[in-house]
Amino acid sequence: QSFLLVLGTRFSDIELREEEGIPTEEFLESCYAIVPVLDKLGPTVFAPVKMDFVGNIKKINQKFITNKEEFDTLQKIVLHEVNAGVAQVRNSATEALLWLKRGLKFLKGFLTEVKNGEKNIQTAL
């Protein structure tokens, strides 16, 4: 369980902004902090997950850096893309956020299986 020590910014440390939601920069930092964990879990088995994960983080970050003040929360990015009619476009930040959320949920489920004593990686997956 020592691999968890490599985590930097933790999701639980992110302060939600009352009306505005989840701060983009802190969320992305927390996501990036998970990447080394995927290497420690199994560089081969988790290679596709890692590639997908990093790709989605980058897509959201690319949107964020176009206007850090306007897109300081994930909700603002999604609302902007919805209003612009591009939220469902392939490679949009909104689509990337959806897949990133699915990846995080998958990883949480996997780690829960391991924590509960599952020794076989394939079974845990």
Protein backbone atom coordinates (compact mmCIF):
# COMPACT_ATOMS: atom_id res chain seq x y z
CA GLN A 1 0.00 0.00 0.00
CA SER A 2 3.06 2.27 0.10
CA PHE A 3 2.43 3.22 -3.55
CA LEU A 4 -0.26 5.59 -2.33
CA LEU A 5 2.48 7.79 -0.89
CA VAL A 6 3.34 9.01 -4.41
CA LEU A 7 0.06 10.92 -4.58
CA GLY A 8 0.50 14.69 -4.51
CA THR A 9 -2.68 16.76 -4.56
CA ARG A 10 -5.54 14.64 -3.30
CA PHE A 11 -9.13 14.86 -4.45
CA SER A 12 -10.24 15.03 -0.82
CA ASP A 13 -8.16 18.23 -0.40
CA ILE A 14 -9.99 20.08 -3.18
CA GLU A 15 -12.20 22.85 -1.84
CA LEU A 16 -15.47 23.05 -3.74
CA ARG A 17 -16.50 26.59 -4.60
CA GLU A 18 -19.98 27.30 -3.31
CA GLU A 19 -21.86 28.09 -6.52
CA GLU A 20 -19.14 27.53 -9.08
CA GLY A 21 -18.13 23.92 -8.42
CA ILE A 22 -14.87 22.01 -8.80
CA PRO A 23 -11.68 24.03 -9.36
CA THR A 24 -10.17 22.91 -12.66
CA GLU A 25 -6.50 23.29 -11.80
CA GLU A 26 -6.66 21.36 -8.52
CA PHE A 27 -8.76 18.63 -10.15
CA LEU A 28 -6.24 18.20 -12.98
CA GLU A 29 -3.34 18.12 -10.50
CA SER A 30 -5.11 15.37 -8.55
CA CYS A 31 -5.65 13.41 -11.77
CA TYR A 32 -1.99 13.79 -12.81
CA ALA A 33 -0.96 12.54 -9.36
CA ILE A 34 -2.67 9.21 -10.11
CA VAL A 35 -0.58 8.52 -13.24
CA PRO A 36 2.52 7.19 -11.35
CA VAL A 37 0.19 4.93 -9.34
CA LEU A 38 -0.93 3.28 -12.59
CA ASP A 39 2.73 2.53 -13.40
CA LYS A 40 3.23 0.96 -9.99
CA LEU A 41 0.05 -1.13 -10.28
CA GLY A 42 1.21 -2.72 -13.51
CA PRO A 43 2.86 -0.84 -16.37
CA THR A 44 1.71 -3.40 -18.92
CA VAL A 45 -1.79 -4.16 -17.67
CA PHE A 46 -2.58 -0.51 -17.03
CA ALA A 47 -0.89 0.93 -20.14
CA PRO A 48 -4.17 1.43 -22.06
CA VAL A 49 -5.86 2.89 -18.97
CA LYS A 50 -2.93 5.25 -18.42
CA MET A 51 -2.89 6.36 -22.06
CA ASP A 52 -6.63 7.05 -21.98
CA PHE A 53 -6.38 8.78 -18.62
CA VAL A 54 -3.51 11.07 -19.63
CA GLY A 55 -5.15 11.86 -22.98
CA ASN A 56 -8.35 12.99 -21.27
CA ILE A 57 -6.47 15.06 -18.69
CA LYS A 58 -4.61 16.79 -21.54
CA LYS A 59 -7.83 17.57 -23.43
CA ILE A 60 -9.35 19.24 -20.37
CA ASN A 61 -6.09 21.07 -19.66
CA GLN A 62 -5.91 22.33 -23.26
CA LYS A 63 -9.33 23.93 -22.82
CA PHE A 64 -8.41 25.28 -19.38
CA ILE A 65 -5.22 27.01 -20.56
CA THR A 66 -7.06 28.88 -23.33
CA ASN A 67 -8.65 31.01 -20.58
CA LYS A 68 -7.70 30.06 -17.01
CA GLU A 69 -9.87 32.75 -15.47
CA GLU A 70 -13.03 31.92 -17.43
CA PHE A 71 -12.53 28.15 -17.09
CA ASP A 72 -11.44 28.07 -13.43
CA THR A 73 -14.03 25.36 -12.65
CA LEU A 74 -15.01 22.19 -14.50
CA GLN A 75 -18.64 23.32 -14.50
CA LYS A 76 -17.74 26.53 -16.35
CA ILE A 77 -15.92 24.54 -19.03
CA VAL A 78 -18.90 22.22 -19.53
CA LEU A 79 -21.44 25.08 -19.56
CA HIS A 80 -19.32 26.99 -22.08
CA GLU A 81 -19.14 23.94 -24.38
CA VAL A 82 -22.86 23.20 -23.98
CA ASN A 83 -23.76 26.81 -24.84
CA ALA A 84 -21.35 26.77 -27.80
CA GLY A 85 -22.90 23.51 -29.04
CA VAL A 86 -19.61 21.60 -28.91
CA ALA A 87 -20.03 19.55 -25.71
CA GLN A 88 -20.83 16.38 -27.67
CA VAL A 89 -18.13 16.91 -30.27
CA ARG A 90 -15.39 14.30 -30.31
CA ASN A 91 -12.37 15.38 -28.24
CA SER A 92 -14.29 18.13 -26.42
CA ALA A 93 -13.28 18.84 -22.83
CA THR A 94 -16.77 17.73 -21.78
CA GLU A 95 -16.36 14.34 -23.46
CA ALA A 96 -12.87 14.02 -21.95
CA LEU A 97 -14.29 14.79 -18.49
CA LEU A 98 -16.96 12.11 -18.93
CA TRP A 99 -14.32 9.49 -19.84
CA LEU A 100 -12.00 10.67 -17.08
CA LYS A 101 -14.82 10.24 -14.56
CA ARG A 102 -15.43 6.71 -15.87
CA GLY A 103 -11.71 5.96 -15.57
CA LEU A 104 -11.61 7.23 -11.99
CA LYS A 105 -14.67 5.15 -11.11
CA PHE A 106 -13.05 2.05 -12.65
CA LEU A 107 -9.82 2.68 -10.75
CA LYS A 108 -11.71 3.17 -7.49
CA GLY A 109 -13.52 -0.13 -8.02
CA PHE A 110 -10.26 -1.92 -8.79
CA LEU A 111 -8.47 -0.49 -5.74
CA THR A 112 -11.45 -1.39 -3.55
CA GLU A 113 -11.17 -5.03 -4.73
CA VAL A 114 -7.44 -5.05 -3.93
CA LYS A 115 -8.01 -3.40 -0.54
CA ASN A 116 -10.64 -6.04 0.25
CA GLY A 117 -8.02 -8.75 -0.28
CA GLU A 118 -8.27 -9.74 -3.95
CA LYS A 119 -4.78 -10.96 -4.94
CA ASN A 120 -5.46 -11.75 -8.60
CA ILE A 121 -5.19 -8.59 -10.74
CA GLN A 122 -7.37 -10.03 -13.52
CA THR A 123 -10.13 -10.88 -11.05
CA ALA A 124 -9.90 -7.42 -9.45
CA LEU A 125 -10.12 -5.81 -12.88
